[in-house]
Amino acid sequence: MTDLRVDIIIPTFNRAHLIDRAVRAALDQSWWNSHVTVIDDGGEDDTRAVLSRHFDDPSFTYIRLARNVGTAQAKNAGLVLTDGDAVTFHDSDDLPHRDKVLRQVRILSQPDIGAHECLNWRMVGHEPDSVLQVGVALVRHELILPDGRRVEVRRDLSLFDDVFPNMQMGSQEPGEWTHINSGLFSHEVFGRNGGFEDCIEEDREFRNRLMFNGEIIWIVPELLLTKIETPDSLTQSKDTDYDSARRRSDRAMVWGRVRKWRTEGRVDPVPVDLPDLKIAFVSDPRHLRAREMPMSAATRAARDACLGHLRKFIPAPSRVAG
């Protein structure tokens, strides 16, 4: 069986009341070769104290950024400071099923998936009858809403809502619900496509970029994640919910890139751009790594400066971005 090393990255901001439950669920994953990294996005609450009980666990790292950079950039910080063979992102209000990562690893590790000639593989840059490598394993999930309702999310069709809205007719509620954020992504996916766009629709934009660039995406049909929505969740806050001006602006950017793809047939990678990356605290610097992926020169310099005084503990990058 594969020994794929998985990074579970959990970005968080002022959620000390929830974070330990999410961390314990991540640490309790049945997949044996995983490491949990919490990126505290410059929070001002007791998150560090709450998580200090895990600081001696060799499968856990707590990193506190020196300033708040937002969810997308906190995920990017987690990417450039880790180097696992595959990466998944859990929110601080996520409760993954114990076998979530195991199921995803088995999907990414399948060696004999073929591009059947009955499908238009050249449209996405693959040849018929070639062997495919799955780059992303998604899972279905359920939502526990603030009013207590439990909603099962099984709408695979929502993967295409920005590209083919005409396919949404008949669905009771339009919009992106398939949870791209908690997918398991191979390292090579980031090498080919870059990181997250600095916006609050970063998951939607990243999902589209992967589809447009021909990444092989597999959906596990079972519900393997529970998301607990709270009044302070991004999708519940008036400033960042689905009807906010900020969301509308970000969606316009996302749809602009759809138009670019339809006219030019490609979407460019998004290099990580975190020139002011600084670490205020890390529970164990020996766990930090330097991932090779597209990033700005200023980001690379800032990342290397953060790690500079720890260089003797940090292995040299083992991969070259694809």
C-alpha atoms as a PDB file:
ATOM      1  CA  MET A   1       0.000   0.000   0.000  1.00  0.00           C
ATOM      2  CA  THR A   2       1.165   3.541  -0.678  1.00  0.00           C
ATOM      3  CA  ASP A   3       3.023   5.592   1.925  1.00  0.00           C
ATOM      4  CA  LEU A   4       1.713   8.955   0.633  1.00  0.00           C
ATOM      5  CA  ARG A   5       2.553  11.664   3.188  1.00  0.00           C
ATOM      6  CA  VAL A   6      -0.432  13.974   3.736  1.00  0.00           C
ATOM      7  CA  ASP A   7      -0.454  17.496   5.146  1.00  0.00           C
ATOM      8  CA  ILE A   8      -3.730  18.460   6.837  1.00  0.00           C
ATOM      9  CA  ILE A   9      -3.714  22.262   6.959  1.00  0.00           C
ATOM     10  CA  ILE A  10      -6.222  24.052   9.210  1.00  0.00           C
ATOM     11  CA  PRO A  11      -6.376  27.856   8.845  1.00  0.00           C
ATOM     12  CA  THR A  12      -8.045  29.602  11.780  1.00  0.00           C
ATOM     13  CA  PHE A  13      -8.748  33.068  13.127  1.00  0.00           C
ATOM     14  CA  ASN A  14     -10.100  33.746  16.633  1.00  0.00           C
ATOM     15  CA  ARG A  15     -11.887  30.400  16.947  1.00  0.00           C
ATOM     16  CA  ALA A  16     -10.432  29.068  20.181  1.00  0.00           C
ATOM     17  CA  HIS A  17     -13.891  27.790  21.119  1.00  0.00           C
ATOM     18  CA  LEU A  18     -13.933  25.408  18.112  1.00  0.00           C
ATOM     19  CA  ILE A  19     -10.371  24.696  17.051  1.00  0.00           C
ATOM     20  CA  ASP A  20      -9.437  21.871  19.437  1.00  0.00           C
ATOM     21  CA  ARG A  21     -12.336  19.733  18.255  1.00  0.00           C
ATOM     22  CA  ALA A  22     -11.239  20.157  14.633  1.00  0.00           C
ATOM     23  CA  VAL A  23      -7.607  19.388  15.482  1.00  0.00           C
ATOM     24  CA  ARG A  24      -8.500  16.231  17.413  1.00  0.00           C
ATOM     25  CA  ALA A  25     -10.630  15.020  14.498  1.00  0.00           C
ATOM     26  CA  ALA A  26      -7.693  15.627  12.123  1.00  0.00           C
ATOM     27  CA  LEU A  27      -5.174  13.918  14.416  1.00  0.00           C
ATOM     28  CA  ASP A  28      -7.520  10.941  14.794  1.00  0.00           C
ATOM     29  CA  GLN A  29      -7.581  10.214  11.039  1.00  0.00           C
ATOM     30  CA  SER A  30      -7.048   6.530  10.298  1.00  0.00           C
ATOM     31  CA  TRP A  31      -4.496   7.289   7.573  1.00  0.00           C
ATOM     32  CA  TRP A  32      -1.194   6.740   9.350  1.00  0.00           C
ATOM     33  CA  ASN A  33       1.144   9.055   7.427  1.00  0.00           C
ATOM     34  CA  SER A  34      -0.300  12.516   8.003  1.00  0.00           C
ATOM     35  CA  HIS A  35       0.724  15.735   9.710  1.00  0.00           C
ATOM     36  CA  VAL A  36      -1.662  18.398  11.034  1.00  0.00           C
ATOM     37  CA  THR A  37      -0.585  22.039  10.721  1.00  0.00           C
ATOM     38  CA  VAL A  38      -2.701  24.828  12.189  1.00  0.00           C
ATOM     39  CA  ILE A  39      -2.122  28.260  10.643  1.00  0.00           C
ATOM     40  CA  ASP A  40      -3.300  30.833  13.187  1.00  0.00           C
ATOM     41  CA  ASP A  41      -3.970  33.876  11.008  1.00  0.00           C
ATOM     42  CA  GLY A  42      -2.759  36.507  13.471  1.00  0.00           C
ATOM     43  CA  GLY A  43      -5.591  35.788  15.904  1.00  0.00           C
ATOM     44  CA  GLU A  44      -5.965  37.565  19.234  1.00  0.00           C
ATOM     45  CA  ASP A  45      -7.778  34.931  21.299  1.00  0.00           C
ATOM     46  CA  ASP A  46      -6.609  31.877  23.282  1.00  0.00           C
ATOM     47  CA  THR A  47      -6.003  29.581  20.301  1.00  0.00           C
ATOM     48  CA  ARG A  48      -2.328  29.062  21.188  1.00  0.00           C
ATOM     49  CA  ALA A  49      -3.139  28.163  24.793  1.00  0.00           C
ATOM     50  CA  VAL A  50      -5.976  25.850  23.765  1.00  0.00           C
ATOM     51  CA  LEU A  51      -3.741  23.952  21.329  1.00  0.00           C
ATOM     52  CA  SER A  52      -0.652  23.849  23.562  1.00  0.00           C
ATOM     53  CA  ARG A  53      -1.707  20.373  24.731  1.00  0.00           C
ATOM     54  CA  HIS A  54      -0.737  19.098  21.248  1.00  0.00           C
ATOM     55  CA  PHE A  55       2.671  20.785  21.002  1.00  0.00           C
ATOM     56  CA  ASP A  56       4.568  17.600  21.912  1.00  0.00           C
ATOM     57  CA  ASP A  57       2.725  15.505  19.338  1.00  0.00           C
ATOM     58  CA  PRO A  58       5.139  14.756  16.431  1.00  0.00           C
ATOM     59  CA  SER A  59       2.145  14.767  14.074  1.00  0.00           C
ATOM     60  CA  PHE A  60       1.184  18.364  14.909  1.00  0.00           C
ATOM     61  CA  THR A  61       2.515  21.870  14.283  1.00  0.00           C
ATOM     62  CA  TYR A  62       1.043  25.189  15.396  1.00  0.00           C
ATOM     63  CA  ILE A  63       2.125  28.262  13.412  1.00  0.00           C
ATOM     64  CA  ARG A  64       0.997  31.757  14.338  1.00  0.00           C
ATOM     65  CA  LEU A  65       1.420  34.349  11.603  1.00  0.00           C
ATOM     66  CA  ALA A  66       2.644  37.794  12.633  1.00  0.00           C
ATOM     67  CA  ARG A  67      -0.344  39.501  10.993  1.00  0.00           C
ATOM     68  CA  ASN A  68      -3.774  38.648   9.642  1.00  0.00           C
ATOM     69  CA  VAL A  69      -3.663  37.844   5.921  1.00  0.00           C
ATOM     70  CA  GLY A  70      -7.081  36.265   5.293  1.00  0.00           C
ATOM     71  CA  THR A  71      -8.163  32.671   4.746  1.00  0.00           C
ATOM     72  CA  ALA A  72      -6.781  32.235   1.215  1.00  0.00           C
ATOM     73  CA  GLN A  73      -3.356  33.577   2.128  1.00  0.00           C
ATOM     74  CA  ALA A  74      -3.288  31.567   5.371  1.00  0.00           C
ATOM     75  CA  LYS A  75      -3.784  28.448   3.231  1.00  0.00           C
ATOM     76  CA  ASN A  76      -0.986  29.623   0.951  1.00  0.00           C
ATOM     77  CA  ALA A  77       1.255  30.097   3.994  1.00  0.00           C
ATOM     78  CA  GLY A  78       0.483  26.524   4.999  1.00  0.00           C
ATOM     79  CA  LEU A  79       1.400  25.347   1.504  1.00  0.00           C
ATOM     80  CA  VAL A  80       4.800  27.051   1.303  1.00  0.00           C
ATOM     81  CA  LEU A  81       5.754  25.909   4.837  1.00  0.00           C
ATOM     82  CA  THR A  82       4.961  22.188   4.302  1.00  0.00           C
ATOM     83  CA  ASP A  83       5.998  19.661   1.652  1.00  0.00           C
ATOM     84  CA  GLY A  84       3.762  16.594   1.930  1.00  0.00           C
ATOM     85  CA  ASP A  85       3.037  14.426  -1.112  1.00  0.00           C
ATOM     86  CA  ALA A  86      -0.596  15.522  -0.842  1.00  0.00           C
ATOM     87  CA  VAL A  87      -2.495  18.295   0.945  1.00  0.00           C
ATOM     88  CA  THR A  88      -5.992  18.707   2.333  1.00  0.00           C
ATOM     89  CA  PHE A  89      -7.503  21.732   4.051  1.00  0.00           C
ATOM     90  CA  HIS A  90      -9.930  21.478   6.955  1.00  0.00           C
ATOM     91  CA  ASP A  91     -11.750  24.488   8.384  1.00  0.00           C
ATOM     92  CA  SER A  92     -11.821  25.107  12.117  1.00  0.00           C
ATOM     93  CA  ASP A  93     -15.503  24.054  12.139  1.00  0.00           C
ATOM     94  CA  ASP A  94     -14.950  20.836  10.142  1.00  0.00           C
ATOM     95  CA  LEU A  95     -15.370  17.354  11.596  1.00  0.00           C
ATOM     96  CA  PRO A  96     -14.005  14.821   9.099  1.00  0.00           C
ATOM     97  CA  HIS A  97     -15.036  11.187   9.231  1.00  0.00           C
ATOM     98  CA  ARG A  98     -12.179   9.125  10.661  1.00  0.00           C
ATOM     99  CA  ASP A  99     -11.516   7.463   7.297  1.00  0.00           C
ATOM    100  CA  LYS A 100     -11.814  10.613   5.145  1.00  0.00           C
ATOM    101  CA  VAL A 101      -8.113  10.996   4.348  1.00  0.00           C
ATOM    102  CA  LEU A 102      -7.634   7.223   4.005  1.00  0.00           C
ATOM    103  CA  ARG A 103     -10.360   7.051   1.364  1.00  0.00           C
ATOM    104  CA  GLN A 104      -8.893  10.026  -0.470  1.00  0.00           C
ATOM    105  CA  VAL A 105      -5.357   8.604  -0.395  1.00  0.00           C
ATOM    106  CA  ARG A 106      -6.580   5.369  -1.959  1.00  0.00           C
ATOM    107  CA  ILE A 107      -8.202   7.343  -4.779  1.00  0.00           C
ATOM    108  CA  LEU A 108      -5.035   9.354  -5.496  1.00  0.00           C
ATOM    109  CA  SER A 109      -2.961   6.160  -5.429  1.00  0.00           C
ATOM    110  CA  GLN A 110      -4.855   4.235  -8.103  1.00  0.00           C
ATOM    111  CA  PRO A 111      -2.322   3.255 -10.810  1.00  0.00           C
ATOM    112  CA  ASP A 112      -4.515   2.034 -13.668  1.00  0.00           C
ATOM    113  CA  ILE A 113      -7.138   4.679 -14.478  1.00  0.00           C
ATOM    114  CA  GLY A 114      -7.505   5.029 -18.235  1.00  0.00           C
ATOM    115  CA  ALA A 115      -8.804   7.785 -20.525  1.00  0.00           C
ATOM    116  CA  HIS A 116     -11.606   5.928 -22.295  1.00  0.00           C
ATOM    117  CA  GLU A 117     -11.806   6.835 -25.964  1.00  0.00           C
ATOM    118  CA  CYS A 118     -15.564   7.480 -25.809  1.00  0.00           C
ATOM    119  CA  LEU A 119     -14.851  10.804 -24.059  1.00  0.00           C
ATOM    120  CA  ASN A 120     -13.337  13.991 -25.485  1.00  0.00           C
ATOM    121  CA  TRP A 121     -10.011  13.830 -23.622  1.00  0.00           C
ATOM    122  CA  ARG A 122      -8.129  16.106 -26.017  1.00  0.00           C
ATOM    123  CA  MET A 123     -10.423  18.942 -24.874  1.00  0.00           C
ATOM    124  CA  VAL A 124      -8.575  18.902 -21.545  1.00  0.00           C
ATOM    125  CA  GLY A 125      -5.100  18.061 -22.754  1.00  0.00           C
ATOM    126  CA  HIS A 126      -5.100  14.254 -22.452  1.00  0.00           C
ATOM    127  CA  GLU A 127      -4.883  11.559 -25.111  1.00  0.00           C
ATOM    128  CA  PRO A 128      -7.521   8.809 -25.426  1.00  0.00           C
ATOM    129  CA  ASP A 129      -6.412   5.432 -24.027  1.00  0.00           C
ATOM    130  CA  SER A 130      -3.641   7.069 -21.973  1.00  0.00           C
ATOM    131  CA  VAL A 131      -3.114   6.315 -18.276  1.00  0.00           C
ATOM    132  CA  LEU A 132      -4.427   9.091 -16.013  1.00  0.00           C
ATOM    133  CA  GLN A 133      -3.210  10.240 -12.613  1.00  0.00           C
ATOM    134  CA  VAL A 134      -5.929  11.487 -10.261  1.00  0.00           C
ATOM    135  CA  GLY A 135      -4.858  14.855  -8.865  1.00  0.00           C
ATOM    136  CA  VAL A 136      -7.831  15.689  -6.642  1.00  0.00           C
ATOM    137  CA  ALA A 137     -10.105  13.482  -4.506  1.00  0.00           C
ATOM    138  CA  LEU A 138     -13.239  15.289  -3.332  1.00  0.00           C
ATOM    139  CA  VAL A 139     -15.769  14.055  -0.769  1.00  0.00           C
ATOM    140  CA  ARG A 140     -19.419  14.780  -0.211  1.00  0.00           C
ATOM    141  CA  HIS A 141     -20.338  16.460   3.059  1.00  0.00           C
ATOM    142  CA  GLU A 142     -23.134  17.515   5.362  1.00  0.00           C
ATOM    143  CA  LEU A 143     -23.887  20.894   6.918  1.00  0.00           C
ATOM    144  CA  ILE A 144     -25.143  21.570  10.426  1.00  0.00           C
ATOM    145  CA  LEU A 145     -26.694  25.037  10.109  1.00  0.00           C
ATOM    146  CA  PRO A 146     -26.985  27.627  12.914  1.00  0.00           C
ATOM    147  CA  ASP A 147     -30.722  26.937  13.185  1.00  0.00           C
ATOM    148  CA  GLY A 148     -30.034  23.239  13.830  1.00  0.00           C
ATOM    149  CA  ARG A 149     -30.965  21.912  10.405  1.00  0.00           C
ATOM    150  CA  ARG A 150     -28.833  19.132   8.916  1.00  0.00           C
ATOM    151  CA  VAL A 151     -28.309  19.320   5.156  1.00  0.00           C
ATOM    152  CA  GLU A 152     -26.671  16.591   3.080  1.00  0.00           C
ATOM    153  CA  VAL A 153     -24.708  17.992   0.143  1.00  0.00           C
ATOM    154  CA  ARG A 154     -24.516  15.546  -2.768  1.00  0.00           C
ATOM    155  CA  ARG A 155     -24.774  17.890  -5.752  1.00  0.00           C
ATOM    156  CA  ASP A 156     -21.900  16.934  -8.026  1.00  0.00           C
ATOM    157  CA  LEU A 157     -23.475  19.051 -10.778  1.00  0.00           C
ATOM    158  CA  SER A 158     -22.524  22.192  -8.861  1.00  0.00           C
ATOM    159  CA  LEU A 159     -18.925  21.672  -9.973  1.00  0.00           C
ATOM    160  CA  PHE A 160     -19.938  23.219 -13.296  1.00  0.00           C
ATOM    161  CA  ASP A 161     -22.100  26.151 -12.174  1.00  0.00           C
ATOM    162  CA  ASP A 162     -19.699  28.892 -13.305  1.00  0.00           C
ATOM    163  CA  VAL A 163     -18.995  27.201 -16.654  1.00  0.00           C
ATOM    164  CA  PHE A 164     -22.375  25.783 -17.676  1.00  0.00           C
ATOM    165  CA  PRO A 165     -25.161  27.501 -15.672  1.00  0.00           C
ATOM    166  CA  ASN A 166     -27.613  26.075 -18.208  1.00  0.00           C
ATOM    167  CA  MET A 167     -27.027  22.649 -16.614  1.00  0.00           C
ATOM    168  CA  GLN A 168     -28.328  23.849 -13.250  1.00  0.00           C
ATOM    169  CA  MET A 169     -31.986  23.919 -14.291  1.00  0.00           C
ATOM    170  CA  GLY A 170     -34.019  21.616 -12.087  1.00  0.00           C
ATOM    171  CA  SER A 171     -31.778  21.970  -9.060  1.00  0.00           C
ATOM    172  CA  GLN A 172     -33.644  23.418  -6.094  1.00  0.00           C
ATOM    173  CA  GLU A 173     -30.860  25.801  -5.091  1.00  0.00           C
ATOM    174  CA  PRO A 174     -28.188  27.164  -7.472  1.00  0.00           C
ATOM    175  CA  GLY A 175     -24.639  27.730  -6.385  1.00  0.00           C
ATOM    176  CA  GLU A 176     -21.368  26.042  -5.534  1.00  0.00           C
ATOM    177  CA  TRP A 177     -21.852  23.478  -2.805  1.00  0.00           C
ATOM    178  CA  THR A 178     -19.385  20.695  -3.605  1.00  0.00           C
ATOM    179  CA  HIS A 179     -16.692  21.346  -1.027  1.00  0.00           C
ATOM    180  CA  ILE A 180     -13.462  21.799  -2.976  1.00  0.00           C
ATOM    181  CA  ASN A 181     -11.605  23.103   0.090  1.00  0.00           C
ATOM    182  CA  SER A 182     -11.443  19.724   1.861  1.00  0.00           C
ATOM    183  CA  GLY A 183     -10.391  17.781  -1.231  1.00  0.00           C
ATOM    184  CA  LEU A 184      -7.081  15.929  -1.149  1.00  0.00           C
ATOM    185  CA  PHE A 185      -4.698  17.461  -3.697  1.00  0.00           C
ATOM    186  CA  SER A 186      -1.482  15.902  -4.944  1.00  0.00           C
ATOM    187  CA  HIS A 187       1.611  18.083  -4.598  1.00  0.00           C
ATOM    188  CA  GLU A 188       1.951  18.133  -8.381  1.00  0.00           C
ATOM    189  CA  VAL A 189      -1.426  19.895  -8.704  1.00  0.00           C
ATOM    190  CA  PHE A 190       0.016  22.927  -6.916  1.00  0.00           C
ATOM    191  CA  GLY A 191       3.212  22.670  -8.939  1.00  0.00           C
ATOM    192  CA  ARG A 192       1.216  22.929 -12.156  1.00  0.00           C
ATOM    193  CA  ASN A 193      -1.479  25.398 -11.076  1.00  0.00           C
ATOM    194  CA  GLY A 194      -0.068  27.509  -8.255  1.00  0.00           C
ATOM    195  CA  GLY A 195      -1.839  28.377  -5.021  1.00  0.00           C
ATOM    196  CA  PHE A 196      -4.997  30.199  -3.957  1.00  0.00           C
ATOM    197  CA  GLU A 197      -6.108  33.560  -5.294  1.00  0.00           C
ATOM    198  CA  ASP A 198      -6.216  36.216  -2.547  1.00  0.00           C
ATOM    199  CA  CYS A 199     -10.007  36.566  -2.309  1.00  0.00           C
ATOM    200  CA  ILE A 200     -12.923  35.027  -0.387  1.00  0.00           C
ATOM    201  CA  GLU A 201     -14.025  33.004  -3.432  1.00  0.00           C
ATOM    202  CA  GLU A 202     -10.626  31.305  -3.503  1.00  0.00           C
ATOM    203  CA  ASP A 203     -12.076  27.780  -3.475  1.00  0.00           C
ATOM    204  CA  ARG A 204     -14.402  28.471  -6.411  1.00  0.00           C
ATOM    205  CA  GLU A 205     -11.614  30.074  -8.456  1.00  0.00           C
ATOM    206  CA  PHE A 206      -9.168  27.248  -7.647  1.00  0.00           C
ATOM    207  CA  ARG A 207     -11.775  24.608  -8.530  1.00  0.00           C
ATOM    208  CA  ASN A 208     -12.347  26.216 -11.941  1.00  0.00           C
ATOM    209  CA  ARG A 209      -8.614  26.530 -12.614  1.00  0.00           C
ATOM    210  CA  LEU A 210      -8.109  22.819 -11.970  1.00  0.00           C
ATOM    211  CA  MET A 211     -10.992  21.858 -14.263  1.00  0.00           C
ATOM    212  CA  PHE A 212      -9.855  24.187 -17.049  1.00  0.00           C
ATOM    213  CA  ASN A 213      -6.284  22.894 -16.910  1.00  0.00           C
ATOM    214  CA  GLY A 214      -7.298  19.252 -17.230  1.00  0.00           C
ATOM    215  CA  GLU A 215      -6.648  18.001 -13.688  1.00  0.00           C
ATOM    216  CA  ILE A 216      -8.280  14.632 -13.004  1.00  0.00           C
ATOM    217  CA  ILE A 217     -10.911  15.088 -10.276  1.00  0.00           C
ATOM    218  CA  TRP A 218     -12.562  12.143  -8.506  1.00  0.00           C
ATOM    219  CA  ILE A 219     -15.546  12.424  -6.174  1.00  0.00           C
ATOM    220  CA  VAL A 220     -15.978   9.905  -3.340  1.00  0.00           C
ATOM    221  CA  PRO A 221     -19.759   9.305  -3.162  1.00  0.00           C
ATOM    222  CA  GLU A 222     -20.070   8.950   0.646  1.00  0.00           C
ATOM    223  CA  LEU A 223     -20.562  11.757   3.170  1.00  0.00           C
ATOM    224  CA  LEU A 224     -17.124  11.936   4.815  1.00  0.00           C
ATOM    225  CA  LEU A 225     -17.163  15.433   6.332  1.00  0.00           C
ATOM    226  CA  THR A 226     -19.440  17.395   8.644  1.00  0.00           C
ATOM    227  CA  LYS A 227     -19.282  21.179   8.483  1.00  0.00           C
ATOM    228  CA  ILE A 228     -20.740  23.040  11.449  1.00  0.00           C
ATOM    229  CA  GLU A 229     -21.864  26.497  10.365  1.00  0.00           C
ATOM    230  CA  THR A 230     -21.836  29.105  13.152  1.00  0.00           C
ATOM    231  CA  PRO A 231     -22.948  32.759  13.135  1.00  0.00           C
ATOM    232  CA  ASP A 232     -19.308  33.846  12.683  1.00  0.00           C
ATOM    233  CA  SER A 233     -18.634  31.534   9.701  1.00  0.00           C
ATOM    234  CA  LEU A 234     -17.618  33.340   6.507  1.00  0.00           C
ATOM    235  CA  THR A 235     -20.770  32.181   4.731  1.00  0.00           C
ATOM    236  CA  GLN A 236     -22.967  33.471   7.578  1.00  0.00           C
ATOM    237  CA  SER A 237     -21.377  36.875   8.227  1.00  0.00           C
ATOM    238  CA  LYS A 238     -23.086  39.813   6.476  1.00  0.00           C
ATOM    239  CA  ASP A 239     -19.707  41.073   5.261  1.00  0.00           C
ATOM    240  CA  THR A 240     -18.728  37.809   3.576  1.00  0.00           C
ATOM    241  CA  ASP A 241     -21.911  35.788   3.007  1.00  0.00           C
ATOM    242  CA  TYR A 242     -23.138  34.800  -0.445  1.00  0.00           C
ATOM    243  CA  ASP A 243     -25.030  38.073  -0.905  1.00  0.00           C
ATOM    244  CA  SER A 244     -22.260  40.428   0.255  1.00  0.00           C
ATOM    245  CA  ALA A 245     -20.683  43.042  -2.009  1.00  0.00           C
ATOM    246  CA  ARG A 246     -17.322  41.373  -1.446  1.00  0.00           C
ATOM    247  CA  ARG A 247     -18.625  38.025  -2.694  1.00  0.00           C
ATOM    248  CA  ARG A 248     -20.237  39.650  -5.731  1.00  0.00           C
ATOM    249  CA  SER A 249     -16.959  41.348  -6.629  1.00  0.00           C
ATOM    250  CA  ASP A 250     -15.035  38.094  -6.278  1.00  0.00           C
ATOM    251  CA  ARG A 251     -17.573  36.179  -8.346  1.00  0.00           C
ATOM    252  CA  ALA A 252     -17.188  38.758 -11.124  1.00  0.00           C
ATOM    253  CA  MET A 253     -13.439  38.077 -11.097  1.00  0.00           C
ATOM    254  CA  VAL A 254     -14.051  34.328 -11.228  1.00  0.00           C
ATOM    255  CA  TRP A 255     -16.472  34.660 -14.136  1.00  0.00           C
ATOM    256  CA  GLY A 256     -13.974  36.885 -15.943  1.00  0.00           C
ATOM    257  CA  ARG A 257     -11.498  34.024 -15.863  1.00  0.00           C
ATOM    258  CA  VAL A 258     -14.163  31.687 -17.233  1.00  0.00           C
ATOM    259  CA  ARG A 259     -14.536  34.051 -20.193  1.00  0.00           C
ATOM    260  CA  LYS A 260     -10.762  34.090 -20.640  1.00  0.00           C
ATOM    261  CA  TRP A 261     -10.681  30.294 -20.708  1.00  0.00           C
ATOM    262  CA  ARG A 262     -13.489  30.109 -23.268  1.00  0.00           C
ATOM    263  CA  THR A 263     -11.701  32.527 -25.588  1.00  0.00           C
ATOM    264  CA  GLU A 264      -8.063  31.515 -25.015  1.00  0.00           C
ATOM    265  CA  GLY A 265      -8.407  27.869 -23.941  1.00  0.00           C
ATOM    266  CA  ARG A 266      -6.152  28.199 -20.884  1.00  0.00           C
ATOM    267  CA  VAL A 267      -5.934  29.597 -17.377  1.00  0.00           C
ATOM    268  CA  ASP A 268      -2.597  30.715 -16.000  1.00  0.00           C
ATOM    269  CA  PRO A 269      -1.163  29.376 -12.732  1.00  0.00           C
ATOM    270  CA  VAL A 270      -1.488  31.689  -9.730  1.00  0.00           C
ATOM    271  CA  PRO A 271       1.887  32.054  -7.992  1.00  0.00           C
ATOM    272  CA  VAL A 272       1.668  32.481  -4.242  1.00  0.00           C
ATOM    273  CA  ASP A 273       2.225  36.164  -3.427  1.00  0.00           C
ATOM    274  CA  LEU A 274       2.989  36.636   0.269  1.00  0.00           C
ATOM    275  CA  PRO A 275       5.915  39.075   0.307  1.00  0.00           C
ATOM    276  CA  ASP A 276       5.250  40.076   3.922  1.00  0.00           C
ATOM    277  CA  LEU A 277       5.096  36.521   5.292  1.00  0.00           C
ATOM    278  CA  LYS A 278       6.326  36.483   8.894  1.00  0.00           C
ATOM    279  CA  ILE A 279       5.970  33.866  11.621  1.00  0.00           C
ATOM    280  CA  ALA A 280       5.318  35.065  15.170  1.00  0.00           C
ATOM    281  CA  PHE A 281       5.484  31.602  16.778  1.00  0.00           C
ATOM    282  CA  VAL A 282       5.868  27.961  15.789  1.00  0.00           C
ATOM    283  CA  SER A 283       5.438  25.071  18.218  1.00  0.00           C
ATOM    284  CA  ASP A 284       8.256  22.990  16.708  1.00  0.00           C
ATOM    285  CA  PRO A 285      10.357  24.484  13.887  1.00  0.00           C
ATOM    286  CA  ARG A 286      11.745  21.075  12.987  1.00  0.00           C
ATOM    287  CA  HIS A 287       8.422  20.293  11.341  1.00  0.00           C
ATOM    288  CA  LEU A 288       8.631  23.190   8.877  1.00  0.00           C
ATOM    289  CA  ARG A 289       9.430  22.403   5.262  1.00  0.00           C
ATOM    290  CA  ALA A 290       9.987  24.370   2.049  1.00  0.00           C
ATOM    291  CA  ARG A 291       7.574  23.342  -0.713  1.00  0.00           C
ATOM    292  CA  GLU A 292       8.597  24.021  -4.297  1.00  0.00           C
ATOM    293  CA  MET A 293       5.663  25.532  -6.208  1.00  0.00           C
ATOM    294  CA  PRO A 294       4.993  28.711  -8.193  1.00  0.00           C
ATOM    295  CA  MET A 295       5.521  31.786  -5.998  1.00  0.00           C
ATOM    296  CA  SER A 296       6.769  35.320  -6.437  1.00  0.00           C
ATOM    297  CA  ALA A 297      10.441  36.019  -5.866  1.00  0.00           C
ATOM    298  CA  ALA A 298       9.493  38.244  -2.912  1.00  0.00           C
ATOM    299  CA  THR A 299       7.460  35.418  -1.385  1.00  0.00           C
ATOM    300  CA  ARG A 300      10.320  32.970  -1.741  1.00  0.00           C
ATOM    301  CA  ALA A 301      12.663  35.469  -0.098  1.00  0.00           C
ATOM    302  CA  ALA A 302      10.213  36.081   2.762  1.00  0.00           C
ATOM    303  CA  ARG A 303       9.632  32.344   3.253  1.00  0.00           C
ATOM    304  CA  ASP A 304      13.375  31.633   3.261  1.00  0.00           C
ATOM    305  CA  ALA A 305      13.960  34.497   5.675  1.00  0.00           C
ATOM    306  CA  CYS A 306      11.391  33.001   8.057  1.00  0.00           C
ATOM    307  CA  LEU A 307      13.167  29.664   7.877  1.00  0.00           C
ATOM    308  CA  GLY A 308      16.696  31.006   7.683  1.00  0.00           C
ATOM    309  CA  HIS A 309      17.657  30.700  11.335  1.00  0.00           C
ATOM    310  CA  LEU A 310      16.176  27.177  11.324  1.00  0.00           C
ATOM    311  CA  ARG A 311      17.878  26.032   8.132  1.00  0.00           C
ATOM    312  CA  LYS A 312      19.855  23.210   9.711  1.00  0.00           C
ATOM    313  CA  PHE A 313      16.592  21.540  10.775  1.00  0.00           C
ATOM    314  CA  ILE A 314      14.840  21.894   7.404  1.00  0.00           C
ATOM    315  CA  PRO A 315      15.481  19.438   4.541  1.00  0.00           C
ATOM    316  CA  ALA A 316      16.204  20.924   1.126  1.00  0.00           C
ATOM    317  CA  PRO A 317      13.231  20.887  -1.289  1.00  0.00           C
ATOM    318  CA  SER A 318      12.947  17.463  -2.900  1.00  0.00           C
ATOM    319  CA  ARG A 319      10.809  18.405  -5.910  1.00  0.00           C
ATOM    320  CA  VAL A 320      10.784  20.747  -8.843  1.00  0.00           C
ATOM    321  CA  ALA A 321       7.494  22.412  -9.721  1.00  0.00           C
ATOM    322  CA  GLY A 322       5.847  20.897 -12.764  1.00  0.00           C
END
